[in-house]
Amino acid sequence: KKILATEATAMCHGRAAAEKAEATALETFEGG
């Protein structure tokens, strides 16, 4: 699901923005 989210977001908003969103989610949900 994370790969789906990042790939779909990269196509619409660019790779950098997608990876930034993924890192934000990782910090928020898994890093506390």
Full PDB file with SEQRES, HELIX, SHEET, SSBOND, CRYST1, ORIGX, SCALE, CONECT and MASTER records, all heavy atoms in Angstrom:
SEQRES   1 A   32  LYS LYS ILE LEU ALA THR GLU ALA THR ALA MET CYS HIS          
SEQRES   2 A   32  GLY ARG ALA ALA ALA GLU LYS ALA GLU ALA THR ALA LEU          
SEQRES   3 A   32  GLU THR PHE GLU GLY GLY                                      
HELIX    1 AA1 LYS A    2  HIS A   13  1                                  12    
HELIX    2 AA2 ARG A   15  ALA A   25  1                                  11    
HELIX    3 AA3 LEU A   26  GLU A   30  3                                   5    
CRYST1    1.000    1.000    1.000  90.00  90.00  90.00 P 1           1          
ORIGX1      1.000000  0.000000  0.000000        0.00000                         
ORIGX2      0.000000  1.000000  0.000000        0.00000                         
ORIGX3      0.000000  0.000000  1.000000        0.00000                         
SCALE1      1.000000  0.000000  0.000000        0.00000                         
SCALE2      0.000000  1.000000  0.000000        0.00000                         
SCALE3      0.000000  0.000000  1.000000        0.00000                         
ATOM      1  N   LYS A   1       0.831  -1.204   0.000  1.00  0.00           N  
ATOM      2  CA  LYS A   1       0.000   0.000   0.000  1.00  0.00           C  
ATOM      3  C   LYS A   1       0.867   1.256   0.000  1.00  0.00           C  
ATOM      4  O   LYS A   1       0.537   2.259  -0.649  1.00  0.00           O  
ATOM      5  CB  LYS A   1      -0.942  -0.001   1.205  1.00  0.00           C  
ATOM      6  CG  LYS A   1      -2.010  -1.070   1.157  1.00  0.00           C  
ATOM      7  CD  LYS A   1      -2.926  -0.980   2.375  1.00  0.00           C  
ATOM      8  CE  LYS A   1      -3.991  -2.066   2.365  1.00  0.00           C  
ATOM      9  NZ  LYS A   1      -4.899  -1.960   3.530  1.00  0.00           N  
ATOM     10  N   LYS A   2       1.973   1.220   0.730  1.00  0.00           N  
ATOM     11  CA  LYS A   2       2.884   2.372   0.738  1.00  0.00           C  
ATOM     12  C   LYS A   2       3.507   2.575  -0.637  1.00  0.00           C  
ATOM     13  O   LYS A   2       3.654   3.711  -1.103  1.00  0.00           O  
ATOM     14  CB  LYS A   2       3.979   2.164   1.788  1.00  0.00           C  
ATOM     15  CG  LYS A   2       3.484   2.179   3.225  1.00  0.00           C  
ATOM     16  CD  LYS A   2       4.615   1.820   4.178  1.00  0.00           C  
ATOM     17  CE  LYS A   2       4.100   1.617   5.595  1.00  0.00           C  
ATOM     18  NZ  LYS A   2       5.164   1.146   6.511  1.00  0.00           N  
ATOM     19  N   ILE A   3       3.859   1.480  -1.290  1.00  0.00           N  
ATOM     20  CA  ILE A   3       4.423   1.581  -2.642  1.00  0.00           C  
ATOM     21  C   ILE A   3       3.380   2.144  -3.597  1.00  0.00           C  
ATOM     22  O   ILE A   3       3.674   3.017  -4.421  1.00  0.00           O  
ATOM     23  CB  ILE A   3       4.923   0.202  -3.112  1.00  0.00           C  
ATOM     24  CG1 ILE A   3       6.153  -0.213  -2.281  1.00  0.00           C  
ATOM     25  CG2 ILE A   3       5.261   0.217  -4.601  1.00  0.00           C  
ATOM     26  CD1 ILE A   3       6.600  -1.640  -2.525  1.00  0.00           C  
ATOM     27  N   LEU A   4       2.144   1.652  -3.499  1.00  0.00           N  
ATOM     28  CA  LEU A   4       1.047   2.184  -4.313  1.00  0.00           C  
ATOM     29  C   LEU A   4       0.907   3.683  -4.084  1.00  0.00           C  
ATOM     30  O   LEU A   4       0.810   4.468  -5.040  1.00  0.00           O  
ATOM     31  CB  LEU A   4      -0.259   1.465  -3.960  1.00  0.00           C  
ATOM     32  CG  LEU A   4      -1.565   2.111  -4.462  1.00  0.00           C  
ATOM     33  CD1 LEU A   4      -1.604   2.139  -5.989  1.00  0.00           C  
ATOM     34  CD2 LEU A   4      -2.785   1.360  -3.906  1.00  0.00           C  
ATOM     35  N   ALA A   5       0.885   4.094  -2.819  1.00  0.00           N  
ATOM     36  CA  ALA A   5       0.696   5.508  -2.485  1.00  0.00           C  
ATOM     37  C   ALA A   5       1.815   6.366  -3.054  1.00  0.00           C  
ATOM     38  O   ALA A   5       1.574   7.434  -3.637  1.00  0.00           O  
ATOM     39  CB  ALA A   5       0.620   5.671  -0.967  1.00  0.00           C  
ATOM     40  N   THR A   6       3.045   5.907  -2.905  1.00  0.00           N  
ATOM     41  CA  THR A   6       4.188   6.695  -3.377  1.00  0.00           C  
ATOM     42  C   THR A   6       4.236   6.760  -4.894  1.00  0.00           C  
ATOM     43  O   THR A   6       4.479   7.825  -5.482  1.00  0.00           O  
ATOM     44  CB  THR A   6       5.499   6.116  -2.818  1.00  0.00           C  
ATOM     45  OG1 THR A   6       5.443   6.160  -1.377  1.00  0.00           O  
ATOM     46  CG2 THR A   6       6.705   6.915  -3.293  1.00  0.00           C  
ATOM     47  N   GLU A   7       3.972   5.634  -5.571  1.00  0.00           N  
ATOM     48  CA  GLU A   7       4.012   5.624  -7.038  1.00  0.00           C  
ATOM     49  C   GLU A   7       2.874   6.451  -7.634  1.00  0.00           C  
ATOM     50  O   GLU A   7       3.078   7.199  -8.595  1.00  0.00           O  
ATOM     51  CB  GLU A   7       3.948   4.182  -7.556  1.00  0.00           C  
ATOM     52  CG  GLU A   7       5.169   3.348  -7.233  1.00  0.00           C  
ATOM     53  CD  GLU A   7       6.441   3.902  -7.833  1.00  0.00           C  
ATOM     54  OE1 GLU A   7       6.401   4.331  -9.016  1.00  0.00           O  
ATOM     55  OE2 GLU A   7       7.472   3.933  -7.137  1.00  0.00           O  
ATOM     56  N   ALA A   8       1.682   6.330  -7.081  1.00  0.00           N  
ATOM     57  CA  ALA A   8       0.545   7.099  -7.594  1.00  0.00           C  
ATOM     58  C   ALA A   8       0.746   8.593  -7.344  1.00  0.00           C  
ATOM     59  O   ALA A   8       0.426   9.431  -8.192  1.00  0.00           O  
ATOM     60  CB  ALA A   8      -0.751   6.624  -6.941  1.00  0.00           C  
ATOM     61  N   THR A   9       1.291   8.932  -6.179  1.00  0.00           N  
ATOM     62  CA  THR A   9       1.540  10.335  -5.851  1.00  0.00           C  
ATOM     63  C   THR A   9       2.657  10.906  -6.709  1.00  0.00           C  
ATOM     64  O   THR A   9       2.601  12.064  -7.146  1.00  0.00           O  
ATOM     65  CB  THR A   9       1.881  10.477  -4.359  1.00  0.00           C  
ATOM     66  OG1 THR A   9       0.827   9.917  -3.570  1.00  0.00           O  
ATOM     67  CG2 THR A   9       2.059  11.939  -3.975  1.00  0.00           C  
ATOM     68  N   ALA A  10       3.691  10.103  -6.973  1.00  0.00           N  
ATOM     69  CA  ALA A  10       4.804  10.567  -7.813  1.00  0.00           C  
ATOM     70  C   ALA A  10       4.324  10.922  -9.210  1.00  0.00           C  
ATOM     71  O   ALA A  10       4.785  11.903  -9.812  1.00  0.00           O  
ATOM     72  CB  ALA A  10       5.889   9.497  -7.869  1.00  0.00           C  
ATOM     73  N   MET A  11       3.401  10.144  -9.749  1.00  0.00           N  
ATOM     74  CA  MET A  11       2.905  10.405 -11.096  1.00  0.00           C  
ATOM     75  C   MET A  11       2.143  11.726 -11.150  1.00  0.00           C  
ATOM     76  O   MET A  11       2.220  12.470 -12.122  1.00  0.00           O  
ATOM     77  CB  MET A  11       2.004   9.260 -11.569  1.00  0.00           C  
ATOM     78  CG  MET A  11       1.778   9.253 -13.069  1.00  0.00           C  
ATOM     79  SD  MET A  11       0.663   7.942 -13.621  1.00  0.00           S  
ATOM     80  CE  MET A  11       1.526   6.487 -13.074  1.00  0.00           C  
ATOM     81  N   CYS A  12       1.434  12.055 -10.078  1.00  0.00           N  
ATOM     82  CA  CYS A  12       0.600  13.251 -10.060  1.00  0.00           C  
ATOM     83  C   CYS A  12       1.362  14.486  -9.581  1.00  0.00           C  
ATOM     84  O   CYS A  12       1.172  15.583 -10.107  1.00  0.00           O  
ATOM     85  CB  CYS A  12      -0.616  13.006  -9.170  1.00  0.00           C  
ATOM     86  SG  CYS A  12      -1.827  14.348  -9.173  1.00  0.00           S  
ATOM     87  N   HIS A  13       2.234  14.313  -8.587  1.00  0.00           N  
ATOM     88  CA  HIS A  13       2.869  15.468  -7.944  1.00  0.00           C  
ATOM     89  C   HIS A  13       4.394  15.481  -8.027  1.00  0.00           C  
ATOM     90  O   HIS A  13       5.022  16.419  -7.542  1.00  0.00           O  
ATOM     91  CB  HIS A  13       2.457  15.521  -6.472  1.00  0.00           C  
ATOM     92  CG  HIS A  13       0.991  15.765  -6.259  1.00  0.00           C  
ATOM     93  ND1 HIS A  13       0.373  16.960  -6.581  1.00  0.00           N  
ATOM     94  CD2 HIS A  13       0.007  14.965  -5.779  1.00  0.00           C  
ATOM     95  CE1 HIS A  13      -0.919  16.883  -6.292  1.00  0.00           C  
ATOM     96  NE2 HIS A  13      -1.169  15.686  -5.815  1.00  0.00           N  
ATOM     97  N   GLY A  14       4.980  14.446  -8.616  1.00  0.00           N  
ATOM     98  CA  GLY A  14       6.433  14.395  -8.712  1.00  0.00           C  
ATOM     99  C   GLY A  14       7.026  13.478  -7.659  1.00  0.00           C  
ATOM    100  O   GLY A  14       6.480  13.325  -6.562  1.00  0.00           O  
ATOM    101  N   ARG A  15       8.172  12.882  -7.984  1.00  0.00           N  
ATOM    102  CA  ARG A  15       8.814  11.908  -7.104  1.00  0.00           C  
ATOM    103  C   ARG A  15       9.219  12.525  -5.775  1.00  0.00           C  
ATOM    104  O   ARG A  15       9.028  11.930  -4.712  1.00  0.00           O  
ATOM    105  CB  ARG A  15      10.031  11.306  -7.825  1.00  0.00           C  
ATOM    106  CG  ARG A  15      10.836  10.291  -7.035  1.00  0.00           C  
ATOM    107  CD  ARG A  15      10.096   9.004  -6.775  1.00  0.00           C  
ATOM    108  NE  ARG A  15       9.594   8.398  -7.987  1.00  0.00           N  
ATOM    109  CZ  ARG A  15       8.855   7.282  -7.996  1.00  0.00           C  
ATOM    110  NH1 ARG A  15       8.529   6.683  -6.848  1.00  0.00           N  
ATOM    111  NH2 ARG A  15       8.421   6.774  -9.134  1.00  0.00           N  
ATOM    112  N   ALA A  16       9.786  13.727  -5.805  1.00  0.00           N  
ATOM    113  CA  ALA A  16      10.266  14.352  -4.571  1.00  0.00           C  
ATOM    114  C   ALA A  16       9.120  14.594  -3.592  1.00  0.00           C  
ATOM    115  O   ALA A  16       9.238  14.319  -2.387  1.00  0.00           O  
ATOM    116  CB  ALA A  16      10.990  15.662  -4.890  1.00  0.00           C  
ATOM    117  N   ALA A  17       8.003  15.101  -4.090  1.00  0.00           N  
ATOM    118  CA  ALA A  17       6.848  15.375  -3.224  1.00  0.00           C  
ATOM    119  C   ALA A  17       6.272  14.082  -2.667  1.00  0.00           C  
ATOM    120  O   ALA A  17       5.846  14.027  -1.504  1.00  0.00           O  
ATOM    121  CB  ALA A  17       5.776  16.134  -4.005  1.00  0.00           C  
ATOM    122  N   ALA A  18       6.264  13.029  -3.481  1.00  0.00           N  
ATOM    123  CA  ALA A  18       5.736  11.735  -3.029  1.00  0.00           C  
ATOM    124  C   ALA A  18       6.602  11.159  -1.913  1.00  0.00           C  
ATOM    125  O   ALA A  18       6.085  10.665  -0.902  1.00  0.00           O  
ATOM    126  CB  ALA A  18       5.663  10.761  -4.197  1.00  0.00           C  
ATOM    127  N   GLU A  19       7.902  11.212  -2.088  1.00  0.00           N  
ATOM    128  CA  GLU A  19       8.806  10.656  -1.072  1.00  0.00           C  
ATOM    129  C   GLU A  19       8.768  11.495   0.207  1.00  0.00           C  
ATOM    130  O   GLU A  19       8.912  10.959   1.307  1.00  0.00           O  
ATOM    131  CB  GLU A  19      10.216  10.576  -1.636  1.00  0.00           C  
ATOM    132  CG  GLU A  19      10.331   9.520  -2.747  1.00  0.00           C  
ATOM    133  CD  GLU A  19      11.707   9.445  -3.374  1.00  0.00           C  
ATOM    134  OE1 GLU A  19      12.535  10.348  -3.086  1.00  0.00           O  
ATOM    135  OE2 GLU A  19      11.956   8.510  -4.163  1.00  0.00           O  
ATOM    136  N   LYS A  20       8.560  12.780   0.059  1.00  0.00           N  
ATOM    137  CA  LYS A  20       8.416  13.652   1.231  1.00  0.00           C  
ATOM    138  C   LYS A  20       7.152  13.290   2.013  1.00  0.00           C  
ATOM    139  O   LYS A  20       7.165  13.228   3.251  1.00  0.00           O  
ATOM    140  CB  LYS A  20       8.361  15.107   0.782  1.00  0.00           C  
ATOM    141  CG  LYS A  20       8.340  16.120   1.912  1.00  0.00           C  
ATOM    142  CD  LYS A  20       8.364  17.540   1.340  1.00  0.00           C  
ATOM    143  CE  LYS A  20       8.363  18.581   2.440  1.00  0.00           C  
ATOM    144  NZ  LYS A  20       8.367  19.964   1.870  1.00  0.00           N  
ATOM    145  N   ALA A  21       6.057  13.025   1.288  1.00  0.00           N  
ATOM    146  CA  ALA A  21       4.804  12.623   1.941  1.00  0.00           C  
ATOM    147  C   ALA A  21       4.971  11.290   2.651  1.00  0.00           C  
ATOM    148  O   ALA A  21       4.474  11.093   3.768  1.00  0.00           O  
ATOM    149  CB  ALA A  21       3.680  12.540   0.904  1.00  0.00           C  
ATOM    150  N   GLU A  22       5.683  10.357   2.013  1.00  0.00           N  
ATOM    151  CA  GLU A  22       5.926   9.056   2.636  1.00  0.00           C  
ATOM    152  C   GLU A  22       6.755   9.211   3.906  1.00  0.00           C  
ATOM    153  O   GLU A  22       6.464   8.577   4.937  1.00  0.00           O  
ATOM    154  CB  GLU A  22       6.636   8.128   1.657  1.00  0.00           C  
ATOM    155  CG  GLU A  22       6.888   6.729   2.215  1.00  0.00           C  
ATOM    156  CD  GLU A  22       7.580   5.813   1.233  1.00  0.00           C  
ATOM    157  OE1 GLU A  22       8.103   6.298   0.221  1.00  0.00           O  
ATOM    158  OE2 GLU A  22       7.584   4.585   1.479  1.00  0.00           O  
ATOM    159  N   ALA A  23       7.776  10.063   3.866  1.00  0.00           N  
ATOM    160  CA  ALA A  23       8.619  10.287   5.047  1.00  0.00           C  
ATOM    161  C   ALA A  23       7.820  10.933   6.168  1.00  0.00           C  
ATOM    162  O   ALA A  23       7.997  10.597   7.355  1.00  0.00           O  
ATOM    163  CB  ALA A  23       9.808  11.160   4.671  1.00  0.00           C  
ATOM    164  N   THR A  24       6.907  11.847   5.806  1.00  0.00           N  
ATOM    165  CA  THR A  24       6.053  12.488   6.813  1.00  0.00           C  
ATOM    166  C   THR A  24       5.169  11.457   7.498  1.00  0.00           C  
ATOM    167  O   THR A  24       5.014  11.462   8.721  1.00  0.00           O  
ATOM    168  CB  THR A  24       5.172  13.573   6.148  1.00  0.00           C  
ATOM    169  OG1 THR A  24       6.016  14.569   5.578  1.00  0.00           O  
ATOM    170  CG2 THR A  24       4.244  14.219   7.165  1.00  0.00           C  
ATOM    171  N   ALA A  25       4.591  10.562   6.704  1.00  0.00           N  
ATOM    172  CA  ALA A  25       3.742   9.515   7.269  1.00  0.00           C  
ATOM    173  C   ALA A  25       4.549   8.593   8.177  1.00  0.00           C  
ATOM    174  O   ALA A  25       4.084   8.208   9.257  1.00  0.00           O  
ATOM    175  CB  ALA A  25       3.094   8.713   6.147  1.00  0.00           C  
ATOM    176  N   LEU A  26       5.739   8.237   7.752  1.00  0.00           N  
ATOM    177  CA  LEU A  26       6.595   7.356   8.553  1.00  0.00           C  
ATOM    178  C   LEU A  26       6.907   7.987   9.898  1.00  0.00           C  
ATOM    179  O   LEU A  26       6.822   7.338  10.946  1.00  0.00           O  
ATOM    180  CB  LEU A  26       7.887   7.055   7.791  1.00  0.00           C  
ATOM    181  CG  LEU A  26       8.861   6.078   8.452  1.00  0.00           C  
ATOM    182  CD1 LEU A  26       8.244   4.687   8.510  1.00  0.00           C  
ATOM    183  CD2 LEU A  26      10.175   6.035   7.679  1.00  0.00           C  
ATOM    184  N   GLU A  27       7.248   9.268   9.876  1.00  0.00           N  
ATOM    185  CA  GLU A  27       7.577   9.971  11.122  1.00  0.00           C  
ATOM    186  C   GLU A  27       6.363  10.097  12.023  1.00  0.00           C  
ATOM    187  O   GLU A  27       6.444   9.947  13.243  1.00  0.00           O  
ATOM    188  CB  GLU A  27       8.135  11.359  10.795  1.00  0.00           C  
ATOM    189  CG  GLU A  27       8.538  12.159  12.018  1.00  0.00           C  
ATOM    190  CD  GLU A  27       9.106  13.522  11.668  1.00  0.00           C  
ATOM    191  OE1 GLU A  27       9.405  13.755  10.472  1.00  0.00           O  
ATOM    192  OE2 GLU A  27       9.239  14.347  12.584  1.00  0.00           O  
ATOM    193  N   THR A  28       5.204  10.356  11.420  1.00  0.00           N  
ATOM    194  CA  THR A  28       3.987  10.600  12.204  1.00  0.00           C  
ATOM    195  C   THR A  28       3.417   9.323  12.811  1.00  0.00           C  
ATOM    196  O   THR A  28       3.050   9.286  13.986  1.00  0.00           O  
ATOM    197  CB  THR A  28       2.913  11.262  11.323  1.00  0.00           C  
ATOM    198  OG1 THR A  28       3.439  12.481  10.781  1.00  0.00           O  
ATOM    199  CG2 THR A  28       1.659  11.559  12.132  1.00  0.00           C  
ATOM    200  N   PHE A  29       3.353   8.260  12.001  1.00  0.00           N  
ATOM    201  CA  PHE A  29       2.664   7.052  12.448  1.00  0.00           C  
ATOM    202  C   PHE A  29       3.585   6.022  13.080  1.00  0.00           C  
ATOM    203  O   PHE A  29       3.205   5.335  14.010  1.00  0.00           O  
ATOM    204  CB  PHE A  29       1.928   6.403  11.276  1.00  0.00           C  
ATOM    205  CG  PHE A  29       0.894   7.303  10.662  1.00  0.00           C  
ATOM    206  CD1 PHE A  29       0.957   7.654   9.323  1.00  0.00           C  
ATOM    207  CD2 PHE A  29      -0.132   7.816  11.431  1.00  0.00           C  
ATOM    208  CE1 PHE A  29       0.016   8.495   8.767  1.00  0.00           C  
ATOM    209  CE2 PHE A  29      -1.076   8.659  10.877  1.00  0.00           C  
ATOM    210  CZ  PHE A  29      -1.007   9.001   9.542  1.00  0.00           C  
ATOM    211  N   GLU A  30       4.795   5.911  12.569  1.00  0.00           N  
ATOM    212  CA  GLU A  30       5.675   4.856  13.052  1.00  0.00           C  
ATOM    213  C   GLU A  30       6.751   5.388  13.984  1.00  0.00           C  
ATOM    214  O   GLU A  30       7.244   4.666  14.843  1.00  0.00           O  
ATOM    215  CB  GLU A  30       6.306   4.124  11.854  1.00  0.00           C  
ATOM    216  CG  GLU A  30       5.253   3.451  10.981  1.00  0.00           C  
ATOM    217  CD  GLU A  30       5.847   2.779   9.749  1.00  0.00           C  
ATOM    218  OE1 GLU A  30       7.064   2.484   9.770  1.00  0.00           O  
ATOM    219  OE2 GLU A  30       5.107   2.549   8.777  1.00  0.00           O  
ATOM    220  N   GLY A  31       7.081   6.675  13.810  1.00  0.00           N  
ATOM    221  CA  GLY A  31       8.112   7.245  14.676  1.00  0.00           C  
ATOM    222  C   GLY A  31       7.552   7.953  15.881  1.00  0.00           C  
ATOM    223  O   GLY A  31       8.284   8.343  16.785  1.00  0.00           O  
ATOM    224  N   GLY A  32       6.215   8.170  15.876  1.00  0.00           N  
ATOM    225  CA  GLY A  32       5.591   8.823  17.014  1.00  0.00           C  
ATOM    226  C   GLY A  32       5.861  10.306  17.091  1.00  0.00           C  
ATOM    227  O   GLY A  32       5.635  10.945  18.117  1.00  0.00           O  
TER     228      GLY A  32                                                      
MASTER        0    0    0    3    0    0    0    6  227    1    0    3          
END                                                                             
